Amino acid sequence: MKNNVRVIREYMGISQTKLAKMAKISRPGLSTIENGHKQASLDTAWKIANALNVTVDDAFFNQNVRLVIQGTEHSDKITASS
């Protein structure tokens, strides 16, 4: 399943290793989720979104997040609406 985790993580300048530690999940597990090879459980999705300070919807479902990230505004929390 395609998601926004990698895009958000890279935008924030966080490595996979650091995000995995922040979310308290394994780095290989994070990699498989980012690559869409495995779906995150609800618990894992919440941990990742919380570590990135975004909603689960923005991290995993909202396709407009990519447009916001590519925009000019920077904020502490990435949201789909500017």
PDB file of N, CA and C in Angstrom:
ATOM      1  N   MET A   1       0.842  -1.181   0.000  1.00  0.00           N
ATOM      2  CA  MET A   1       0.000   0.000   0.000  1.00  0.00           C
ATOM      3  C   MET A   1       0.883   1.239   0.000  1.00  0.00           C
ATOM      4  N   LYS A   2       0.630   2.146  -0.910  1.00  0.00           N
ATOM      5  CA  LYS A   2       1.398   3.379  -0.992  1.00  0.00           C
ATOM      6  C   LYS A   2       1.050   4.275   0.195  1.00  0.00           C
ATOM      7  N   ASN A   3       2.066   4.924   0.746  1.00  0.00           N
ATOM      8  CA  ASN A   3       1.842   5.829   1.867  1.00  0.00           C
ATOM      9  C   ASN A   3       2.800   7.010   1.764  1.00  0.00           C
ATOM     10  N   ASN A   4       2.683   7.933   2.695  1.00  0.00           N
ATOM     11  CA  ASN A   4       3.483   9.158   2.683  1.00  0.00           C
ATOM     12  C   ASN A   4       4.622   9.149   3.694  1.00  0.00           C
ATOM     13  N   VAL A   5       4.851   8.044   4.359  1.00  0.00           N
ATOM     14  CA  VAL A   5       5.821   8.000   5.450  1.00  0.00           C
ATOM     15  C   VAL A   5       7.210   8.421   4.980  1.00  0.00           C
ATOM     16  N   ARG A   6       7.697   7.850   3.911  1.00  0.00           N
ATOM     17  CA  ARG A   6       9.046   8.184   3.433  1.00  0.00           C
ATOM     18  C   ARG A   6       9.139   9.661   3.042  1.00  0.00           C
ATOM     19  N   VAL A   7       8.133  10.157   2.331  1.00  0.00           N
ATOM     20  CA  VAL A   7       8.143  11.556   1.892  1.00  0.00           C
ATOM     21  C   VAL A   7       8.210  12.490   3.095  1.00  0.00           C
ATOM     22  N   ILE A   8       7.386  12.232   4.097  1.00  0.00           N
ATOM     23  CA  ILE A   8       7.368  13.078   5.294  1.00  0.00           C
ATOM     24  C   ILE A   8       8.681  12.943   6.051  1.00  0.00           C
ATOM     25  N   ARG A   9       9.154  11.710   6.214  1.00  0.00           N
ATOM     26  CA  ARG A   9      10.405  11.475   6.946  1.00  0.00           C
ATOM     27  C   ARG A   9      11.567  12.204   6.283  1.00  0.00           C
ATOM     28  N   GLU A  10      11.684  12.079   4.976  1.00  0.00           N
ATOM     29  CA  GLU A  10      12.781  12.738   4.269  1.00  0.00           C
ATOM     30  C   GLU A  10      12.645  14.256   4.323  1.00  0.00           C
ATOM     31  N   TYR A  11      11.432  14.760   4.213  1.00  0.00           N
ATOM     32  CA  TYR A  11      11.187  16.201   4.318  1.00  0.00           C
ATOM     33  C   TYR A  11      11.659  16.728   5.674  1.00  0.00           C
ATOM     34  N   MET A  12      11.437  15.918   6.712  1.00  0.00           N
ATOM     35  CA  MET A  12      11.818  16.325   8.065  1.00  0.00           C
ATOM     36  C   MET A  12      13.293  16.062   8.359  1.00  0.00           C
ATOM     37  N   GLY A  13      13.991  15.421   7.432  1.00  0.00           N
ATOM     38  CA  GLY A  13      15.414  15.159   7.612  1.00  0.00           C
ATOM     39  C   GLY A  13      15.712  14.091   8.648  1.00  0.00           C
ATOM     40  N   ILE A  14      14.820  13.111   8.746  1.00  0.00           N
ATOM     41  CA  ILE A  14      14.969  12.040   9.735  1.00  0.00           C
ATOM     42  C   ILE A  14      15.363  10.756   9.011  1.00  0.00           C
ATOM     43  N   SER A  15      16.344  10.050   9.535  1.00  0.00           N
ATOM     44  CA  SER A  15      16.743   8.768   8.946  1.00  0.00           C
ATOM     45  C   SER A  15      15.727   7.688   9.322  1.00  0.00           C
ATOM     46  N   GLN A  16      15.741   6.598   8.576  1.00  0.00           N
ATOM     47  CA  GLN A  16      14.884   5.462   8.925  1.00  0.00           C
ATOM     48  C   GLN A  16      15.210   4.958  10.319  1.00  0.00           C
ATOM     49  N   THR A  17      16.490   4.885  10.633  1.00  0.00           N
ATOM     50  CA  THR A  17      16.908   4.385  11.943  1.00  0.00           C
ATOM     51  C   THR A  17      16.350   5.257  13.057  1.00  0.00           C
ATOM     52  N   LYS A  18      16.457   6.572  12.895  1.00  0.00           N
ATOM     53  CA  LYS A  18      15.964   7.487  13.928  1.00  0.00           C
ATOM     54  C   LYS A  18      14.448   7.395  14.060  1.00  0.00           C
ATOM     55  N   LEU A  19      13.728   7.369  12.934  1.00  0.00           N
ATOM     56  CA  LEU A  19      12.270   7.268  13.007  1.00  0.00           C
ATOM     57  C   LEU A  19      11.847   5.955  13.649  1.00  0.00           C
ATOM     58  N   ALA A  20      12.512   4.872  13.294  1.00  0.00           N
ATOM     59  CA  ALA A  20      12.183   3.574  13.890  1.00  0.00           C
ATOM     60  C   ALA A  20      12.360   3.622  15.407  1.00  0.00           C
ATOM     61  N   LYS A  21      13.436   4.244  15.869  1.00  0.00           N
ATOM     62  CA  LYS A  21      13.655   4.374  17.317  1.00  0.00           C
ATOM     63  C   LYS A  21      12.584   5.250  17.947  1.00  0.00           C
ATOM     64  N   MET A  22      12.256   6.365  17.292  1.00  0.00           N
ATOM     65  CA  MET A  22      11.236   7.275  17.817  1.00  0.00           C
ATOM     66  C   MET A  22       9.874   6.584  17.918  1.00  0.00           C
ATOM     67  N   ALA A  23       9.573   5.741  16.934  1.00  0.00           N
ATOM     68  CA  ALA A  23       8.285   5.051  16.889  1.00  0.00           C
ATOM     69  C   ALA A  23       8.301   3.727  17.653  1.00  0.00           C
ATOM     70  N   LYS A  24       9.491   3.332  18.110  1.00  0.00           N
ATOM     71  CA  LYS A  24       9.660   2.064  18.840  1.00  0.00           C
ATOM     72  C   LYS A  24       9.228   0.864  17.996  1.00  0.00           C
ATOM     73  N   ILE A  25       9.716   0.874  16.735  1.00  0.00           N
ATOM     74  CA  ILE A  25       9.518  -0.259  15.833  1.00  0.00           C
ATOM     75  C   ILE A  25      10.867  -0.592  15.211  1.00  0.00           C
ATOM     76  N   SER A  26      10.959  -1.731  14.533  1.00  0.00           N
ATOM     77  CA  SER A  26      12.238  -2.102  13.924  1.00  0.00           C
ATOM     78  C   SER A  26      12.481  -1.301  12.644  1.00  0.00           C
ATOM     79  N   ARG A  27      13.735  -1.049  12.327  1.00  0.00           N
ATOM     80  CA  ARG A  27      14.072  -0.341  11.093  1.00  0.00           C
ATOM     81  C   ARG A  27      13.680  -1.152   9.864  1.00  0.00           C
ATOM     82  N   PRO A  28      13.958  -2.484   9.838  1.00  0.00           N
ATOM     83  CA  PRO A  28      13.505  -3.263   8.677  1.00  0.00           C
ATOM     84  C   PRO A  28      11.976  -3.245   8.520  1.00  0.00           C
ATOM     85  N   GLY A  29      11.266  -3.253   9.636  1.00  0.00           N
ATOM     86  CA  GLY A  29       9.803  -3.172   9.578  1.00  0.00           C
ATOM     87  C   GLY A  29       9.343  -1.852   8.990  1.00  0.00           C
ATOM     88  N   LEU A  30       9.987  -0.767   9.409  1.00  0.00           N
ATOM     89  CA  LEU A  30       9.672   0.554   8.860  1.00  0.00           C
ATOM     90  C   LEU A  30       9.946   0.580   7.361  1.00  0.00           C
ATOM     91  N   SER A  31      11.057  -0.001   6.955  1.00  0.00           N
ATOM     92  CA  SER A  31      11.421  -0.030   5.539  1.00  0.00           C
ATOM     93  C   SER A  31      10.363  -0.746   4.706  1.00  0.00           C
ATOM     94  N   THR A  32       9.878  -1.879   5.181  1.00  0.00           N
ATOM     95  CA  THR A  32       8.869  -2.620   4.414  1.00  0.00           C
ATOM     96  C   THR A  32       7.557  -1.845   4.334  1.00  0.00           C
ATOM     97  N   ILE A  33       7.236  -1.094   5.379  1.00  0.00           N
ATOM     98  CA  ILE A  33       6.026  -0.262   5.364  1.00  0.00           C
ATOM     99  C   ILE A  33       6.207   0.896   4.390  1.00  0.00           C
ATOM    100  N   GLU A  34       7.351   1.582   4.470  1.00  0.00           N
ATOM    101  CA  GLU A  34       7.617   2.706   3.566  1.00  0.00           C
ATOM    102  C   GLU A  34       7.577   2.278   2.103  1.00  0.00           C
ATOM    103  N   ASN A  35       8.090   1.105   1.813  1.00  0.00           N
ATOM    104  CA  ASN A  35       8.140   0.605   0.439  1.00  0.00           C
ATOM    105  C   ASN A  35       6.817   0.011  -0.032  1.00  0.00           C
ATOM    106  N   GLY A  36       5.843  -0.078   0.865  1.00  0.00           N
ATOM    107  CA  GLY A  36       4.537  -0.607   0.506  1.00  0.00           C
ATOM    108  C   GLY A  36       4.478  -2.112   0.407  1.00  0.00           C
ATOM    109  N   HIS A  37       5.514  -2.800   0.908  1.00  0.00           N
ATOM    110  CA  HIS A  37       5.528  -4.265   0.859  1.00  0.00           C
ATOM    111  C   HIS A  37       4.709  -4.881   1.987  1.00  0.00           C
ATOM    112  N   LYS A  38       4.429  -4.075   3.009  1.00  0.00           N
ATOM    113  CA  LYS A  38       3.667  -4.554   4.160  1.00  0.00           C
ATOM    114  C   LYS A  38       2.788  -3.414   4.648  1.00  0.00           C
ATOM    115  N   GLN A  39       1.565  -3.747   5.041  1.00  0.00           N
ATOM    116  CA  GLN A  39       0.685  -2.747   5.624  1.00  0.00           C
ATOM    117  C   GLN A  39       0.980  -2.635   7.111  1.00  0.00           C
ATOM    118  N   ALA A  40       0.964  -1.424   7.612  1.00  0.00           N
ATOM    119  CA  ALA A  40       1.163  -1.213   9.043  1.00  0.00           C
ATOM    120  C   ALA A  40      -0.118  -1.561   9.784  1.00  0.00           C
ATOM    121  N   SER A  41       0.033  -2.177  10.947  1.00  0.00           N
ATOM    122  CA  SER A  41      -1.130  -2.378  11.806  1.00  0.00           C
ATOM    123  C   SER A  41      -1.575  -1.002  12.291  1.00  0.00           C
ATOM    124  N   LEU A  42      -2.766  -0.904  12.835  1.00  0.00           N
ATOM    125  CA  LEU A  42      -3.250   0.379  13.346  1.00  0.00           C
ATOM    126  C   LEU A  42      -2.318   0.907  14.427  1.00  0.00           C
ATOM    127  N   ASP A  43      -1.857   0.025  15.303  1.00  0.00           N
ATOM    128  CA  ASP A  43      -0.940   0.423  16.375  1.00  0.00           C
ATOM    129  C   ASP A  43       0.368   0.967  15.804  1.00  0.00           C
ATOM    130  N   THR A  44       0.928   0.273  14.832  1.00  0.00           N
ATOM    131  CA  THR A  44       2.184   0.713  14.217  1.00  0.00           C
ATOM    132  C   THR A  44       1.984   2.009  13.440  1.00  0.00           C
ATOM    133  N   ALA A  45       0.874   2.126  12.721  1.00  0.00           N
ATOM    134  CA  ALA A  45       0.580   3.361  11.981  1.00  0.00           C
ATOM    135  C   ALA A  45       0.501   4.536  12.947  1.00  0.00           C
ATOM    136  N   TRP A  46      -0.145   4.338  14.088  1.00  0.00           N
ATOM    137  CA  TRP A  46      -0.251   5.399  15.087  1.00  0.00           C
ATOM    138  C   TRP A  46       1.129   5.768  15.623  1.00  0.00           C
ATOM    139  N   LYS A  47       1.968   4.774  15.901  1.00  0.00           N
ATOM    140  CA  LYS A  47       3.316   5.042  16.411  1.00  0.00           C
ATOM    141  C   LYS A  47       4.132   5.863  15.414  1.00  0.00           C
ATOM    142  N   ILE A  48       4.063   5.495  14.142  1.00  0.00           N
ATOM    143  CA  ILE A  48       4.816   6.210  13.107  1.00  0.00           C
ATOM    144  C   ILE A  48       4.296   7.637  12.963  1.00  0.00           C
ATOM    145  N   ALA A  49       2.983   7.781  12.851  1.00  0.00           N
ATOM    146  CA  ALA A  49       2.393   9.115  12.699  1.00  0.00           C
ATOM    147  C   ALA A  49       2.714   9.989  13.904  1.00  0.00           C
ATOM    148  N   ASN A  50       2.612   9.435  15.086  1.00  0.00           N
ATOM    149  CA  ASN A  50       2.905  10.182  16.306  1.00  0.00           C
ATOM    150  C   ASN A  50       4.364  10.632  16.323  1.00  0.00           C
ATOM    151  N   ALA A  51       5.273   9.753  15.930  1.00  0.00           N
ATOM    152  CA  ALA A  51       6.698  10.098  15.901  1.00  0.00           C
ATOM    153  C   ALA A  51       6.977  11.207  14.888  1.00  0.00           C
ATOM    154  N   LEU A  52       6.218  11.230  13.797  1.00  0.00           N
ATOM    155  CA  LEU A  52       6.384  12.261  12.770  1.00  0.00           C
ATOM    156  C   LEU A  52       5.568  13.523  13.070  1.00  0.00           C
ATOM    157  N   ASN A  53       4.739  13.458  14.113  1.00  0.00           N
ATOM    158  CA  ASN A  53       3.865  14.567  14.498  1.00  0.00           C
ATOM    159  C   ASN A  53       2.872  14.918  13.384  1.00  0.00           C
ATOM    160  N   VAL A  54       2.313  13.880  12.774  1.00  0.00           N
ATOM    161  CA  VAL A  54       1.271  14.042  11.761  1.00  0.00           C
ATOM    162  C   VAL A  54       0.128  13.096  12.111  1.00  0.00           C
ATOM    163  N   THR A  55      -0.992  13.224  11.427  1.00  0.00           N
ATOM    164  CA  THR A  55      -2.098  12.306  11.650  1.00  0.00           C
ATOM    165  C   THR A  55      -1.843  10.996  10.903  1.00  0.00           C
ATOM    166  N   VAL A  56      -2.492   9.947  11.338  1.00  0.00           N
ATOM    167  CA  VAL A  56      -2.413   8.664  10.630  1.00  0.00           C
ATOM    168  C   VAL A  56      -2.926   8.858   9.206  1.00  0.00           C
ATOM    169  N   ASP A  57      -3.973   9.640   9.060  1.00  0.00           N
ATOM    170  CA  ASP A  57      -4.527   9.906   7.735  1.00  0.00           C
ATOM    171  C   ASP A  57      -3.487  10.549   6.819  1.00  0.00           C
ATOM    172  N   ASP A  58      -2.772  11.561   7.321  1.00  0.00           N
ATOM    173  CA  ASP A  58      -1.753  12.215   6.500  1.00  0.00           C
ATOM    174  C   ASP A  58      -0.583  11.282   6.197  1.00  0.00           C
ATOM    175  N   ALA A  59      -0.195  10.472   7.144  1.00  0.00           N
ATOM    176  CA  ALA A  59       0.945   9.576   6.944  1.00  0.00           C
ATOM    177  C   ALA A  59       0.629   8.429   5.991  1.00  0.00           C
ATOM    178  N   PHE A  60      -0.625   7.968   6.006  1.00  0.00           N
ATOM    179  CA  PHE A  60      -0.923   6.751   5.258  1.00  0.00           C
ATOM    180  C   PHE A  60      -1.974   6.867   4.153  1.00  0.00           C
ATOM    181  N   PHE A  61      -2.815   7.881   4.190  1.00  0.00           N
ATOM    182  CA  PHE A  61      -3.924   7.898   3.236  1.00  0.00           C
ATOM    183  C   PHE A  61      -4.046   9.167   2.402  1.00  0.00           C
ATOM    184  N   ASN A  62      -3.677  10.299   2.940  1.00  0.00           N
ATOM    185  CA  ASN A  62      -3.908  11.578   2.275  1.00  0.00           C
ATOM    186  C   ASN A  62      -2.905  11.818   1.152  1.00  0.00           C
ATOM    187  N   GLN A  63      -3.358  11.794  -0.071  1.00  0.00           N
ATOM    188  CA  GLN A  63      -2.460  11.983  -1.210  1.00  0.00           C
ATOM    189  C   GLN A  63      -2.045  13.437  -1.398  1.00  0.00           C
ATOM    190  N   ASN A  64      -2.744  14.379  -0.773  1.00  0.00           N
ATOM    191  CA  ASN A  64      -2.401  15.794  -0.901  1.00  0.00           C
ATOM    192  C   ASN A  64      -1.194  16.193  -0.069  1.00  0.00           C
ATOM    193  N   VAL A  65      -0.750  15.346   0.840  1.00  0.00           N
ATOM    194  CA  VAL A  65       0.398  15.669   1.687  1.00  0.00           C
ATOM    195  C   VAL A  65       1.615  15.970   0.837  1.00  0.00           C
ATOM    196  N   ARG A  66       1.809  15.240  -0.229  1.00  0.00           N
ATOM    197  CA  ARG A  66       2.965  15.463  -1.098  1.00  0.00           C
ATOM    198  C   ARG A  66       2.964  16.886  -1.662  1.00  0.00           C
ATOM    199  N   LEU A  67       1.796  17.412  -1.973  1.00  0.00           N
ATOM    200  CA  LEU A  67       1.701  18.769  -2.508  1.00  0.00           C
ATOM    201  C   LEU A  67       2.050  19.802  -1.451  1.00  0.00           C
ATOM    202  N   VAL A  68       1.614  19.590  -0.229  1.00  0.00           N
ATOM    203  CA  VAL A  68       1.911  20.520   0.860  1.00  0.00           C
ATOM    204  C   VAL A  68       3.403  20.532   1.142  1.00  0.00           C
ATOM    205  N   ILE A  69       4.019  19.362   1.157  1.00  0.00           N
ATOM    206  CA  ILE A  69       5.448  19.261   1.433  1.00  0.00           C
ATOM    207  C   ILE A  69       6.250  19.979   0.357  1.00  0.00           C
ATOM    208  N   GLN A  70       5.809  19.895  -0.872  1.00  0.00           N
ATOM    209  CA  GLN A  70       6.524  20.546  -1.962  1.00  0.00           C
ATOM    210  C   GLN A  70       6.260  22.049  -2.011  1.00  0.00           C
ATOM    211  N   GLY A  71       5.295  22.540  -1.215  1.00  0.00           N
ATOM    212  CA  GLY A  71       4.981  23.965  -1.171  1.00  0.00           C
ATOM    213  C   GLY A  71       6.049  24.752  -0.435  1.00  0.00           C
ATOM    214  N   THR A  72       5.779  26.021  -0.218  1.00  0.00           N
ATOM    215  CA  THR A  72       6.783  26.899   0.379  1.00  0.00           C
ATOM    216  C   THR A  72       6.647  27.035   1.885  1.00  0.00           C
ATOM    217  N   GLU A  73       5.503  26.681   2.451  1.00  0.00           N
ATOM    218  CA  GLU A  73       5.317  26.846   3.889  1.00  0.00           C
ATOM    219  C   GLU A  73       5.943  25.694   4.656  1.00  0.00           C
ATOM    220  N   HIS A  74       6.582  26.024   5.753  1.00  0.00           N
ATOM    221  CA  HIS A  74       7.138  25.027   6.662  1.00  0.00           C
ATOM    222  C   HIS A  74       6.416  25.193   7.989  1.00  0.00           C
ATOM    223  N   SER A  75       6.089  24.088   8.623  1.00  0.00           N
ATOM    224  CA  SER A  75       5.429  24.166   9.918  1.00  0.00           C
ATOM    225  C   SER A  75       5.886  23.009  10.779  1.00  0.00           C
ATOM    226  N   ASP A  76       5.559  23.077  12.069  1.00  0.00           N
ATOM    227  CA  ASP A  76       5.918  22.005  12.984  1.00  0.00           C
ATOM    228  C   ASP A  76       5.109  20.752  12.694  1.00  0.00           C
ATOM    229  N   LYS A  77       3.935  20.941  12.133  1.00  0.00           N
ATOM    230  CA  LYS A  77       3.081  19.801  11.819  1.00  0.00           C
ATOM    231  C   LYS A  77       2.665  19.896  10.362  1.00  0.00           C
ATOM    232  N   ILE A  78       2.922  18.859   9.618  1.00  0.00           N
ATOM    233  CA  ILE A  78       2.553  18.827   8.209  1.00  0.00           C
ATOM    234  C   ILE A  78       1.088  18.431   8.126  1.00  0.00           C
ATOM    235  N   THR A  79       0.290  19.223   7.441  1.00  0.00           N
ATOM    236  CA  THR A  79      -1.119  18.895   7.270  1.00  0.00           C
ATOM    237  C   THR A  79      -1.489  19.016   5.804  1.00  0.00           C
ATOM    238  N   ALA A  80      -2.618  18.467   5.468  1.00  0.00           N
ATOM    239  CA  ALA A  80      -3.061  18.493   4.079  1.00  0.00           C
ATOM    240  C   ALA A  80      -3.577  19.866   3.676  1.00  0.00           C
ATOM    241  N   SER A  81      -3.986  20.656   4.645  1.00  0.00           N
ATOM    242  CA  SER A  81      -4.481  21.991   4.314  1.00  0.00           C
ATOM    243  C   SER A  81      -3.472  23.031   4.756  1.00  0.00           C
ATOM    244  N   SER A  82      -3.244  24.018   3.925  1.00  0.00           N
ATOM    245  CA  SER A  82      -2.250  25.051   4.236  1.00  0.00           C
ATOM    246  C   SER A  82      -2.853  26.127   5.097  1.00  0.00           C
TER     247      SER A  82
END
